[in-house]
Amino acid sequence: MSDPIYTSPRSGRSLWQEYRVYPDRIELQCKVALHTIVIPADEILDIEIRPALVFADLFRGKSFAFSFPLKIDNADGHRHIAIHRKSGFMKRIRFTPDDPEKFVDACKTIMKKD
């Protein structure tokens, strides 16, 4: 097993969950789903930083599906990450790492380039 490229430490806004970026995947410790969500790097379609209030994306020109994702922490109250993956029960996930810019930068280094 390799070491993480980036680890977002537990905090109140992430509901004391830890999020890690590895060279081949993202791991989102998720107390809501009672397990760790693993997203292989080649499953990531898009990742971006979004403002607070997830549902407000409906009024920001985003689709219904984009505006009602699986939220695994306090994403509604903070700037957060929106990730879109190819497969899985919920293809859109929102979560709040400690430093969204560093998390996205780490993810972009592992994403497949077309």
PDB file of N, CA and C in Angstrom:
ATOM      1  N   MET A   1       0.838  -1.195   0.000  1.00  0.00           N
ATOM      2  CA  MET A   1       0.000   0.000   0.000  1.00  0.00           C
ATOM      3  C   MET A   1       0.874   1.245   0.000  1.00  0.00           C
ATOM      4  N   SER A   2       0.507   2.192  -0.794  1.00  0.00           N
ATOM      5  CA  SER A   2       1.275   3.432  -0.869  1.00  0.00           C
ATOM      6  C   SER A   2       0.772   4.443   0.164  1.00  0.00           C
ATOM      7  N   ASP A   3       1.609   5.426   0.401  1.00  0.00           N
ATOM      8  CA  ASP A   3       1.241   6.501   1.324  1.00  0.00           C
ATOM      9  C   ASP A   3       0.371   7.512   0.594  1.00  0.00           C
ATOM     10  N   PRO A   4      -0.507   8.216   1.336  1.00  0.00           N
ATOM     11  CA  PRO A   4      -1.344   9.237   0.692  1.00  0.00           C
ATOM     12  C   PRO A   4      -0.502  10.409   0.178  1.00  0.00           C
ATOM     13  N   ILE A   5      -0.959  10.986  -0.933  1.00  0.00           N
ATOM     14  CA  ILE A   5      -0.364  12.209  -1.479  1.00  0.00           C
ATOM     15  C   ILE A   5      -0.830  13.389  -0.639  1.00  0.00           C
ATOM     16  N   TYR A   6      -2.083  13.332  -0.212  1.00  0.00           N
ATOM     17  CA  TYR A   6      -2.666  14.410   0.592  1.00  0.00           C
ATOM     18  C   TYR A   6      -3.664  13.803   1.573  1.00  0.00           C
ATOM     19  N   THR A   7      -3.639  14.273   2.799  1.00  0.00           N
ATOM     20  CA  THR A   7      -4.599  13.851   3.815  1.00  0.00           C
ATOM     21  C   THR A   7      -5.236  15.087   4.407  1.00  0.00           C
ATOM     22  N   SER A   8      -6.558  15.114   4.372  1.00  0.00           N
ATOM     23  CA  SER A   8      -7.305  16.189   5.010  1.00  0.00           C
ATOM     24  C   SER A   8      -7.646  15.714   6.416  1.00  0.00           C
ATOM     25  N   PRO A   9      -7.090  16.352   7.439  1.00  0.00           N
ATOM     26  CA  PRO A   9      -7.325  15.887   8.802  1.00  0.00           C
ATOM     27  C   PRO A   9      -8.769  16.073   9.245  1.00  0.00           C
ATOM     28  N   ARG A  10      -9.128  15.351  10.271  1.00  0.00           N
ATOM     29  CA  ARG A  10     -10.475  15.447  10.838  1.00  0.00           C
ATOM     30  C   ARG A  10     -10.710  16.845  11.396  1.00  0.00           C
ATOM     31  N   SER A  11     -11.939  17.330  11.214  1.00  0.00           N
ATOM     32  CA  SER A  11     -12.312  18.631  11.787  1.00  0.00           C
ATOM     33  C   SER A  11     -13.824  18.635  12.005  1.00  0.00           C
ATOM     34  N   GLY A  12     -14.290  19.629  12.706  1.00  0.00           N
ATOM     35  CA  GLY A  12     -15.718  19.748  12.965  1.00  0.00           C
ATOM     36  C   GLY A  12     -16.537  19.893  11.699  1.00  0.00           C
ATOM     37  N   ARG A  13     -16.040  20.677  10.748  1.00  0.00           N
ATOM     38  CA  ARG A  13     -16.826  20.881   9.527  1.00  0.00           C
ATOM     39  C   ARG A  13     -16.871  19.645   8.642  1.00  0.00           C
ATOM     40  N   SER A  14     -15.911  18.712   8.810  1.00  0.00           N
ATOM     41  CA  SER A  14     -15.967  17.453   8.062  1.00  0.00           C
ATOM     42  C   SER A  14     -16.612  16.346   8.907  1.00  0.00           C
ATOM     43  N   LEU A  15     -17.229  16.740  10.022  1.00  0.00           N
ATOM     44  CA  LEU A  15     -17.854  15.793  10.962  1.00  0.00           C
ATOM     45  C   LEU A  15     -16.849  14.758  11.455  1.00  0.00           C
ATOM     46  N   TRP A  16     -15.619  15.193  11.664  1.00  0.00           N
ATOM     47  CA  TRP A  16     -14.520  14.384  12.183  1.00  0.00           C
ATOM     48  C   TRP A  16     -14.183  13.212  11.274  1.00  0.00           C
ATOM     49  N   GLN A  17     -14.387  13.395   9.980  1.00  0.00           N
ATOM     50  CA  GLN A  17     -14.029  12.385   8.989  1.00  0.00           C
ATOM     51  C   GLN A  17     -12.705  12.780   8.347  1.00  0.00           C
ATOM     52  N   GLU A  18     -11.993  11.798   7.834  1.00  0.00           N
ATOM     53  CA  GLU A  18     -10.708  12.053   7.193  1.00  0.00           C
ATOM     54  C   GLU A  18     -10.817  11.688   5.716  1.00  0.00           C
ATOM     55  N   TYR A  19     -10.224  12.528   4.863  1.00  0.00           N
ATOM     56  CA  TYR A  19     -10.261  12.310   3.422  1.00  0.00           C
ATOM     57  C   TYR A  19      -8.823  12.225   2.918  1.00  0.00           C
ATOM     58  N   ARG A  20      -8.536  11.203   2.084  1.00  0.00           N
ATOM     59  CA  ARG A  20      -7.170  10.967   1.617  1.00  0.00           C
ATOM     60  C   ARG A  20      -7.118  10.802   0.096  1.00  0.00           C
ATOM     61  N   VAL A  21      -6.050  11.335  -0.486  1.00  0.00           N
ATOM     62  CA  VAL A  21      -5.782  11.166  -1.920  1.00  0.00           C
ATOM     63  C   VAL A  21      -4.535  10.297  -2.037  1.00  0.00           C
ATOM     64  N   TYR A  22      -4.661   9.165  -2.736  1.00  0.00           N
ATOM     65  CA  TYR A  22      -3.558   8.254  -3.005  1.00  0.00           C
ATOM     66  C   TYR A  22      -3.185   8.363  -4.482  1.00  0.00           C
ATOM     67  N   PRO A  23      -2.066   7.806  -4.887  1.00  0.00           N
ATOM     68  CA  PRO A  23      -1.680   7.889  -6.306  1.00  0.00           C
ATOM     69  C   PRO A  23      -2.688   7.253  -7.271  1.00  0.00           C
ATOM     70  N   ASP A  24      -3.524   6.339  -6.772  1.00  0.00           N
ATOM     71  CA  ASP A  24      -4.463   5.631  -7.647  1.00  0.00           C
ATOM     72  C   ASP A  24      -5.932   5.742  -7.247  1.00  0.00           C
ATOM     73  N   ARG A  25      -6.227   6.506  -6.174  1.00  0.00           N
ATOM     74  CA  ARG A  25      -7.607   6.560  -5.685  1.00  0.00           C
ATOM     75  C   ARG A  25      -7.801   7.686  -4.668  1.00  0.00           C
ATOM     76  N   ILE A  26      -9.075   7.937  -4.364  1.00  0.00           N
ATOM     77  CA  ILE A  26      -9.466   8.838  -3.279  1.00  0.00           C
ATOM     78  C   ILE A  26     -10.215   7.983  -2.263  1.00  0.00           C
ATOM     79  N   GLU A  27      -9.958   8.197  -0.987  1.00  0.00           N
ATOM     80  CA  GLU A  27     -10.695   7.511   0.067  1.00  0.00           C
ATOM     81  C   GLU A  27     -11.386   8.555   0.931  1.00  0.00           C
ATOM     82  N   LEU A  28     -12.698   8.428   1.045  1.00  0.00           N
ATOM     83  CA  LEU A  28     -13.504   9.337   1.849  1.00  0.00           C
ATOM     84  C   LEU A  28     -14.086   8.549   3.007  1.00  0.00           C
ATOM     85  N   GLN A  29     -13.531   8.760   4.193  1.00  0.00           N
ATOM     86  CA  GLN A  29     -14.071   8.092   5.364  1.00  0.00           C
ATOM     87  C   GLN A  29     -15.458   8.673   5.595  1.00  0.00           C
ATOM     88  N   CYS A  30     -16.465   7.851   5.622  1.00  0.00           N
ATOM     89  CA  CYS A  30     -17.839   8.348   5.652  1.00  0.00           C
ATOM     90  C   CYS A  30     -18.644   7.691   6.754  1.00  0.00           C
ATOM     91  N   LYS A  31     -18.909   8.452   7.809  1.00  0.00           N
ATOM     92  CA  LYS A  31     -19.721   7.924   8.904  1.00  0.00           C
ATOM     93  C   LYS A  31     -21.185   7.823   8.509  1.00  0.00           C
ATOM     94  N   VAL A  32     -21.621   8.631   7.549  1.00  0.00           N
ATOM     95  CA  VAL A  32     -23.005   8.585   7.072  1.00  0.00           C
ATOM     96  C   VAL A  32     -23.285   7.231   6.437  1.00  0.00           C
ATOM     97  N   ALA A  33     -22.384   6.762   5.573  1.00  0.00           N
ATOM     98  CA  ALA A  33     -22.560   5.477   4.897  1.00  0.00           C
ATOM     99  C   ALA A  33     -21.952   4.329   5.703  1.00  0.00           C
ATOM    100  N   LEU A  34     -21.356   4.641   6.833  1.00  0.00           N
ATOM    101  CA  LEU A  34     -20.743   3.671   7.739  1.00  0.00           C
ATOM    102  C   LEU A  34     -19.603   2.870   7.118  1.00  0.00           C
ATOM    103  N   HIS A  35     -18.920   3.451   6.151  1.00  0.00           N
ATOM    104  CA  HIS A  35     -17.739   2.827   5.580  1.00  0.00           C
ATOM    105  C   HIS A  35     -16.912   3.882   4.847  1.00  0.00           C
ATOM    106  N   THR A  36     -15.835   3.449   4.250  1.00  0.00           N
ATOM    107  CA  THR A  36     -14.995   4.359   3.473  1.00  0.00           C
ATOM    108  C   THR A  36     -15.374   4.251   2.003  1.00  0.00           C
ATOM    109  N   ILE A  37     -15.665   5.382   1.398  1.00  0.00           N
ATOM    110  CA  ILE A  37     -15.969   5.425  -0.029  1.00  0.00           C
ATOM    111  C   ILE A  37     -14.629   5.493  -0.765  1.00  0.00           C
ATOM    112  N   VAL A  38     -14.400   4.546  -1.654  1.00  0.00           N
ATOM    113  CA  VAL A  38     -13.168   4.508  -2.431  1.00  0.00           C
ATOM    114  C   VAL A  38     -13.515   4.828  -3.880  1.00  0.00           C
ATOM    115  N   ILE A  39     -12.847   5.841  -4.418  1.00  0.00           N
ATOM    116  CA  ILE A  39     -13.072   6.249  -5.808  1.00  0.00           C
ATOM    117  C   ILE A  39     -11.755   6.085  -6.562  1.00  0.00           C
ATOM    118  N   PRO A  40     -11.666   5.085  -7.444  1.00  0.00           N
ATOM    119  CA  PRO A  40     -10.446   4.928  -8.237  1.00  0.00           C
ATOM    120  C   PRO A  40     -10.205   6.165  -9.104  1.00  0.00           C
ATOM    121  N   ALA A  41      -8.956   6.487  -9.334  1.00  0.00           N
ATOM    122  CA  ALA A  41      -8.605   7.691 -10.103  1.00  0.00           C
ATOM    123  C   ALA A  41      -9.251   7.697 -11.483  1.00  0.00           C
ATOM    124  N   ASP A  42      -9.352   6.539 -12.122  1.00  0.00           N
ATOM    125  CA  ASP A  42      -9.932   6.502 -13.464  1.00  0.00           C
ATOM    126  C   ASP A  42     -11.455   6.586 -13.471  1.00  0.00           C
ATOM    127  N   GLU A  43     -12.074   6.646 -12.297  1.00  0.00           N
ATOM    128  CA  GLU A  43     -13.522   6.816 -12.183  1.00  0.00           C
ATOM    129  C   GLU A  43     -13.927   8.278 -12.009  1.00  0.00           C
ATOM    130  N   ILE A  44     -12.960   9.158 -11.775  1.00  0.00           N
ATOM    131  CA  ILE A  44     -13.257  10.570 -11.530  1.00  0.00           C
ATOM    132  C   ILE A  44     -13.509  11.276 -12.862  1.00  0.00           C
ATOM    133  N   LEU A  45     -14.719  11.771 -13.039  1.00  0.00           N
ATOM    134  CA  LEU A  45     -15.055  12.532 -14.239  1.00  0.00           C
ATOM    135  C   LEU A  45     -14.716  14.004 -14.062  1.00  0.00           C
ATOM    136  N   ASP A  46     -15.017  14.542 -12.878  1.00  0.00           N
ATOM    137  CA  ASP A  46     -14.789  15.960 -12.627  1.00  0.00           C
ATOM    138  C   ASP A  46     -14.692  16.186 -11.131  1.00  0.00           C
ATOM    139  N   ILE A  47     -13.928  17.194 -10.764  1.00  0.00           N
ATOM    140  CA  ILE A  47     -13.820  17.599  -9.363  1.00  0.00           C
ATOM    141  C   ILE A  47     -13.657  19.116  -9.344  1.00  0.00           C
ATOM    142  N   GLU A  48     -14.402  19.773  -8.463  1.00  0.00           N
ATOM    143  CA  GLU A  48     -14.326  21.235  -8.393  1.00  0.00           C
ATOM    144  C   GLU A  48     -14.698  21.733  -7.007  1.00  0.00           C
ATOM    145  N   ILE A  49     -14.319  22.963  -6.731  1.00  0.00           N
ATOM    146  CA  ILE A  49     -14.661  23.621  -5.473  1.00  0.00           C
ATOM    147  C   ILE A  49     -15.960  24.384  -5.699  1.00  0.00           C
ATOM    148  N   ARG A  50     -16.886  24.240  -4.751  1.00  0.00           N
ATOM    149  CA  ARG A  50     -18.188  24.897  -4.855  1.00  0.00           C
ATOM    150  C   ARG A  50     -18.443  25.738  -3.600  1.00  0.00           C
ATOM    151  N   PRO A  51     -19.254  26.789  -3.729  1.00  0.00           N
ATOM    152  CA  PRO A  51     -19.607  27.601  -2.556  1.00  0.00           C
ATOM    153  C   PRO A  51     -20.605  26.868  -1.660  1.00  0.00           C
ATOM    154  N   ALA A  52     -20.808  27.412  -0.481  1.00  0.00           N
ATOM    155  CA  ALA A  52     -21.763  26.838   0.473  1.00  0.00           C
ATOM    156  C   ALA A  52     -23.169  26.780  -0.128  1.00  0.00           C
ATOM    157  N   LEU A  53     -24.036  26.072   0.540  1.00  0.00           N
ATOM    158  CA  LEU A  53     -25.434  25.869   0.137  1.00  0.00           C
ATOM    159  C   LEU A  53     -25.534  25.082  -1.173  1.00  0.00           C
ATOM    160  N   VAL A  54     -25.410  23.791  -1.045  1.00  0.00           N
ATOM    161  CA  VAL A  54     -25.402  22.884  -2.195  1.00  0.00           C
ATOM    162  C   VAL A  54     -26.646  23.053  -3.064  1.00  0.00           C
ATOM    163  N   PHE A  55     -27.831  23.083  -2.445  1.00  0.00           N
ATOM    164  CA  PHE A  55     -29.075  23.173  -3.221  1.00  0.00           C
ATOM    165  C   PHE A  55     -29.151  24.461  -4.038  1.00  0.00           C
ATOM    166  N   ALA A  56     -28.417  25.502  -3.621  1.00  0.00           N
ATOM    167  CA  ALA A  56     -28.432  26.775  -4.346  1.00  0.00           C
ATOM    168  C   ALA A  56     -27.787  26.652  -5.728  1.00  0.00           C
ATOM    169  N   ASP A  57     -27.091  25.553  -5.990  1.00  0.00           N
ATOM    170  CA  ASP A  57     -26.520  25.352  -7.326  1.00  0.00           C
ATOM    171  C   ASP A  57     -27.610  25.277  -8.392  1.00  0.00           C
ATOM    172  N   LEU A  58     -28.829  24.946  -7.993  1.00  0.00           N
ATOM    173  CA  LEU A  58     -29.963  24.978  -8.925  1.00  0.00           C
ATOM    174  C   LEU A  58     -30.137  26.382  -9.494  1.00  0.00           C
ATOM    175  N   PHE A  59     -29.917  27.379  -8.659  1.00  0.00           N
ATOM    176  CA  PHE A  59     -30.079  28.780  -9.061  1.00  0.00           C
ATOM    177  C   PHE A  59     -28.793  29.370  -9.640  1.00  0.00           C
ATOM    178  N   ARG A  60     -27.731  28.567  -9.634  1.00  0.00           N
ATOM    179  CA  ARG A  60     -26.447  28.983 -10.204  1.00  0.00           C
ATOM    180  C   ARG A  60     -26.241  28.355 -11.581  1.00  0.00           C
ATOM    181  N   GLY A  61     -27.313  27.830 -12.158  1.00  0.00           N
ATOM    182  CA  GLY A  61     -27.246  27.281 -13.511  1.00  0.00           C
ATOM    183  C   GLY A  61     -26.831  25.828 -13.601  1.00  0.00           C
ATOM    184  N   LYS A  62     -26.840  25.113 -12.481  1.00  0.00           N
ATOM    185  CA  LYS A  62     -26.461  23.697 -12.497  1.00  0.00           C
ATOM    186  C   LYS A  62     -27.719  22.832 -12.588  1.00  0.00           C
ATOM    187  N   SER A  63     -27.533  21.575 -12.940  1.00  0.00           N
ATOM    188  CA  SER A  63     -28.658  20.650 -13.108  1.00  0.00           C
ATOM    189  C   SER A  63     -29.223  20.189 -11.763  1.00  0.00           C
ATOM    190  N   PHE A  64     -30.385  19.566 -11.829  1.00  0.00           N
ATOM    191  CA  PHE A  64     -31.033  19.018 -10.635  1.00  0.00           C
ATOM    192  C   PHE A  64     -30.122  17.989  -9.973  1.00  0.00           C
ATOM    193  N   ALA A  65     -29.580  17.049 -10.762  1.00  0.00           N
ATOM    194  CA  ALA A  65     -28.704  16.004 -10.215  1.00  0.00           C
ATOM    195  C   ALA A  65     -27.470  16.615  -9.558  1.00  0.00           C
ATOM    196  N   PHE A  66     -26.923  17.676 -10.148  1.00  0.00           N
ATOM    197  CA  PHE A  66     -25.746  18.343  -9.593  1.00  0.00           C
ATOM    198  C   PHE A  66     -26.090  18.992  -8.256  1.00  0.00           C
ATOM    199  N   SER A  67     -27.317  19.460  -8.116  1.00  0.00           N
ATOM    200  CA  SER A  67     -27.728  20.220  -6.933  1.00  0.00           C
ATOM    201  C   SER A  67     -28.200  19.366  -5.765  1.00  0.00           C
ATOM    202  N   PHE A  68     -28.402  18.074  -5.993  1.00  0.00           N
ATOM    203  CA  PHE A  68     -28.866  17.190  -4.921  1.00  0.00           C
ATOM    204  C   PHE A  68     -28.021  15.919  -4.862  1.00  0.00           C
ATOM    205  N   PRO A  69     -26.747  16.048  -4.464  1.00  0.00           N
ATOM    206  CA  PRO A  69     -25.826  14.912  -4.395  1.00  0.00           C
ATOM    207  C   PRO A  69     -25.848  14.253  -3.011  1.00  0.00           C
ATOM    208  N   LEU A  70     -25.000  13.262  -2.832  1.00  0.00           N
ATOM    209  CA  LEU A  70     -24.745  12.701  -1.517  1.00  0.00           C
ATOM    210  C   LEU A  70     -23.814  13.668  -0.796  1.00  0.00           C
ATOM    211  N   LYS A  71     -24.242  14.195   0.338  1.00  0.00           N
ATOM    212  CA  LYS A  71     -23.407  15.089   1.144  1.00  0.00           C
ATOM    213  C   LYS A  71     -22.965  14.286   2.362  1.00  0.00           C
ATOM    214  N   ILE A  72     -21.662  14.131   2.533  1.00  0.00           N
ATOM    215  CA  ILE A  72     -21.184  13.273   3.618  1.00  0.00           C
ATOM    216  C   ILE A  72     -20.678  14.056   4.832  1.00  0.00           C
ATOM    217  N   ASP A  73     -20.831  15.374   4.802  1.00  0.00           N
ATOM    218  CA  ASP A  73     -20.466  16.184   5.964  1.00  0.00           C
ATOM    219  C   ASP A  73     -21.225  17.510   5.913  1.00  0.00           C
ATOM    220  N   ASN A  74     -20.640  18.573   6.435  1.00  0.00           N
ATOM    221  CA  ASN A  74     -21.302  19.879   6.492  1.00  0.00           C
ATOM    222  C   ASN A  74     -21.081  20.725   5.234  1.00  0.00           C
ATOM    223  N   ALA A  75     -21.200  20.116   4.068  1.00  0.00           N
ATOM    224  CA  ALA A  75     -20.941  20.822   2.807  1.00  0.00           C
ATOM    225  C   ALA A  75     -21.857  22.021   2.617  1.00  0.00           C
ATOM    226  N   ASP A  76     -23.061  21.982   3.149  1.00  0.00           N
ATOM    227  CA  ASP A  76     -23.978  23.113   2.992  1.00  0.00           C
ATOM    228  C   ASP A  76     -23.479  24.375   3.685  1.00  0.00           C
ATOM    229  N   GLY A  77     -22.681  24.219   4.707  1.00  0.00           N
ATOM    230  CA  GLY A  77     -22.251  25.380   5.476  1.00  0.00           C
ATOM    231  C   GLY A  77     -20.898  25.945   5.104  1.00  0.00           C
ATOM    232  N   HIS A  78     -20.183  25.314   4.161  1.00  0.00           N
ATOM    233  CA  HIS A  78     -18.813  25.730   3.862  1.00  0.00           C
ATOM    234  C   HIS A  78     -18.497  25.550   2.374  1.00  0.00           C
ATOM    235  N   ARG A  79     -17.423  26.229   1.924  1.00  0.00           N
ATOM    236  CA  ARG A  79     -16.893  25.888   0.594  1.00  0.00           C
ATOM    237  C   ARG A  79     -16.521  24.422   0.654  1.00  0.00           C
ATOM    238  N   HIS A  80     -16.772  23.706  -0.418  1.00  0.00           N
ATOM    239  CA  HIS A  80     -16.597  22.262  -0.377  1.00  0.00           C
ATOM    240  C   HIS A  80     -16.205  21.722  -1.756  1.00  0.00           C
ATOM    241  N   ILE A  81     -15.981  20.433  -1.806  1.00  0.00           N
ATOM    242  CA  ILE A  81     -15.617  19.745  -3.036  1.00  0.00           C
ATOM    243  C   ILE A  81     -16.851  19.065  -3.618  1.00  0.00           C
ATOM    244  N   ALA A  82     -17.024  19.205  -4.930  1.00  0.00           N
ATOM    245  CA  ALA A  82     -18.048  18.464  -5.675  1.00  0.00           C
ATOM    246  C   ALA A  82     -17.296  17.502  -6.580  1.00  0.00           C
ATOM    247  N   ILE A  83     -17.565  16.224  -6.406  1.00  0.00           N
ATOM    248  CA  ILE A  83     -16.911  15.222  -7.238  1.00  0.00           C
ATOM    249  C   ILE A  83     -17.971  14.472  -8.033  1.00  0.00           C
ATOM    250  N   HIS A  84     -17.670  14.222  -9.289  1.00  0.00           N
ATOM    251  CA  HIS A  84     -18.567  13.476 -10.178  1.00  0.00           C
ATOM    252  C   HIS A  84     -17.786  12.250 -10.628  1.00  0.00           C
ATOM    253  N   ARG A  85     -18.338  11.078 -10.357  1.00  0.00           N
ATOM    254  CA  ARG A  85     -17.658   9.844 -10.737  1.00  0.00           C
ATOM    255  C   ARG A  85     -18.465   9.075 -11.779  1.00  0.00           C
ATOM    256  N   LYS A  86     -17.817   8.166 -12.468  1.00  0.00           N
ATOM    257  CA  LYS A  86     -18.448   7.416 -13.557  1.00  0.00           C
ATOM    258  C   LYS A  86     -19.537   6.469 -13.082  1.00  0.00           C
ATOM    259  N   SER A  87     -19.317   5.782 -11.968  1.00  0.00           N
ATOM    260  CA  SER A  87     -20.267   4.757 -11.534  1.00  0.00           C
ATOM    261  C   SER A  87     -20.467   4.816 -10.026  1.00  0.00           C
ATOM    262  N   GLY A  88     -21.371   3.980  -9.548  1.00  0.00           N
ATOM    263  CA  GLY A  88     -21.681   3.949  -8.131  1.00  0.00           C
ATOM    264  C   GLY A  88     -23.107   4.375  -7.890  1.00  0.00           C
ATOM    265  N   PHE A  89     -23.616   4.076  -6.710  1.00  0.00           N
ATOM    266  CA  PHE A  89     -24.995   4.408  -6.363  1.00  0.00           C
ATOM    267  C   PHE A  89     -25.248   5.902  -6.489  1.00  0.00           C
ATOM    268  N   MET A  90     -24.398   6.687  -5.877  1.00  0.00           N
ATOM    269  CA  MET A  90     -24.475   8.146  -5.985  1.00  0.00           C
ATOM    270  C   MET A  90     -23.243   8.597  -6.765  1.00  0.00           C
ATOM    271  N   LYS A  91     -23.471   9.113  -7.951  1.00  0.00           N
ATOM    272  CA  LYS A  91     -22.357   9.526  -8.798  1.00  0.00           C
ATOM    273  C   LYS A  91     -21.804  10.889  -8.424  1.00  0.00           C
ATOM    274  N   ARG A  92     -22.586  11.676  -7.699  1.00  0.00           N
ATOM    275  CA  ARG A  92     -22.143  13.009  -7.276  1.00  0.00           C
ATOM    276  C   ARG A  92     -22.057  13.042  -5.754  1.00  0.00           C
ATOM    277  N   ILE A  93     -20.903  13.469  -5.259  1.00  0.00           N
ATOM    278  CA  ILE A  93     -20.645  13.491  -3.815  1.00  0.00           C
ATOM    279  C   ILE A  93     -20.091  14.859  -3.455  1.00  0.00           C
ATOM    280  N   ARG A  94     -20.515  15.377  -2.305  1.00  0.00           N
ATOM    281  CA  ARG A  94     -19.996  16.656  -1.784  1.00  0.00           C
ATOM    282  C   ARG A  94     -19.406  16.415  -0.400  1.00  0.00           C
ATOM    283  N   PHE A  95     -18.265  17.059  -0.145  1.00  0.00           N
ATOM    284  CA  PHE A  95     -17.608  16.929   1.160  1.00  0.00           C
ATOM    285  C   PHE A  95     -16.683  18.119   1.382  1.00  0.00           C
ATOM    286  N   THR A  96     -16.269  18.310   2.630  1.00  0.00           N
ATOM    287  CA  THR A  96     -15.528  19.503   3.028  1.00  0.00           C
ATOM    288  C   THR A  96     -14.160  19.149   3.604  1.00  0.00           C
ATOM    289  N   PRO A  97     -13.121  19.107   2.762  1.00  0.00           N
ATOM    290  CA  PRO A  97     -11.775  18.894   3.313  1.00  0.00           C
ATOM    291  C   PRO A  97     -11.262  20.178   3.976  1.00  0.00           C
ATOM    292  N   ASP A  98     -10.164  20.071   4.690  1.00  0.00           N
ATOM    293  CA  ASP A  98      -9.624  21.238   5.400  1.00  0.00           C
ATOM    294  C   ASP A  98      -9.172  22.340   4.447  1.00  0.00           C
ATOM    295  N   ASP A  99      -8.595  21.964   3.307  1.00  0.00           N
ATOM    296  CA  ASP A  99      -8.105  22.938   2.326  1.00  0.00           C
ATOM    297  C   ASP A  99      -8.572  22.489   0.942  1.00  0.00           C
ATOM    298  N   PRO A 100      -9.732  22.977   0.483  1.00  0.00           N
ATOM    299  CA  PRO A 100     -10.280  22.518  -0.800  1.00  0.00           C
ATOM    300  C   PRO A 100      -9.317  22.673  -1.978  1.00  0.00           C
ATOM    301  N   GLU A 101      -8.550  23.772  -2.040  1.00  0.00           N
ATOM    302  CA  GLU A 101      -7.625  23.980  -3.154  1.00  0.00           C
ATOM    303  C   GLU A 101      -6.552  22.900  -3.202  1.00  0.00           C
ATOM    304  N   LYS A 102      -5.944  22.598  -2.053  1.00  0.00           N
ATOM    305  CA  LYS A 102      -4.899  21.573  -2.010  1.00  0.00           C
ATOM    306  C   LYS A 102      -5.480  20.198  -2.335  1.00  0.00           C
ATOM    307  N   PHE A 103      -6.692  19.922  -1.869  1.00  0.00           N
ATOM    308  CA  PHE A 103      -7.321  18.636  -2.150  1.00  0.00           C
ATOM    309  C   PHE A 103      -7.564  18.476  -3.647  1.00  0.00           C
ATOM    310  N   VAL A 104      -8.121  19.491  -4.291  1.00  0.00           N
ATOM    311  CA  VAL A 104      -8.386  19.435  -5.734  1.00  0.00           C
ATOM    312  C   VAL A 104      -7.074  19.319  -6.514  1.00  0.00           C
ATOM    313  N   ASP A 105      -6.061  20.073  -6.129  1.00  0.00           N
ATOM    314  CA  ASP A 105      -4.765  19.991  -6.809  1.00  0.00           C
ATOM    315  C   ASP A 105      -4.199  18.576  -6.728  1.00  0.00           C
ATOM    316  N   ALA A 106      -4.295  17.950  -5.555  1.00  0.00           N
ATOM    317  CA  ALA A 106      -3.806  16.580  -5.397  1.00  0.00           C
ATOM    318  C   ALA A 106      -4.608  15.614  -6.270  1.00  0.00           C
ATOM    319  N   CYS A 107      -5.914  15.805  -6.329  1.00  0.00           N
ATOM    320  CA  CYS A 107      -6.759  14.940  -7.151  1.00  0.00           C
ATOM    321  C   CYS A 107      -6.450  15.084  -8.633  1.00  0.00           C
ATOM    322  N   LYS A 108      -6.204  16.289  -9.058  1.00  0.00           N
ATOM    323  CA  LYS A 108      -5.917  16.512 -10.484  1.00  0.00           C
ATOM    324  C   LYS A 108      -4.601  15.858 -10.905  1.00  0.00           C
ATOM    325  N   THR A 109      -3.684  15.648  -9.976  1.00  0.00           N
ATOM    326  CA  THR A 109      -2.431  14.976 -10.323  1.00  0.00           C
ATOM    327  C   THR A 109      -2.647  13.488 -10.586  1.00  0.00           C
ATOM    328  N   ILE A 110      -3.708  12.899 -10.039  1.00  0.00           N
ATOM    329  CA  ILE A 110      -3.940  11.458 -10.223  1.00  0.00           C
ATOM    330  C   ILE A 110      -4.985  11.161 -11.286  1.00  0.00           C
ATOM    331  N   MET A 111      -5.731  12.160 -11.734  1.00  0.00           N
ATOM    332  CA  MET A 111      -6.784  11.935 -12.733  1.00  0.00           C
ATOM    333  C   MET A 111      -6.176  11.589 -14.082  1.00  0.00           C
ATOM    334  N   LYS A 112      -6.853  10.700 -14.791  1.00  0.00           N
ATOM    335  CA  LYS A 112      -6.415  10.295 -16.134  1.00  0.00           C
ATOM    336  C   LYS A 112      -6.627  11.441 -17.106  1.00  0.00           C
ATOM    337  N   LYS A 113      -5.653  11.662 -17.921  1.00  0.00           N
ATOM    338  CA  LYS A 113      -5.755  12.705 -18.958  1.00  0.00           C
ATOM    339  C   LYS A 113      -6.240  12.057 -20.248  1.00  0.00           C
ATOM    340  N   ASP A 114      -7.218  12.661 -20.912  1.00  0.00           N
ATOM    341  CA  ASP A 114      -7.725  12.113 -22.179  1.00  0.00           C
ATOM    342  C   ASP A 114      -6.935  12.608 -23.355  1.00  0.00           C
TER     343      ASP A 114
END
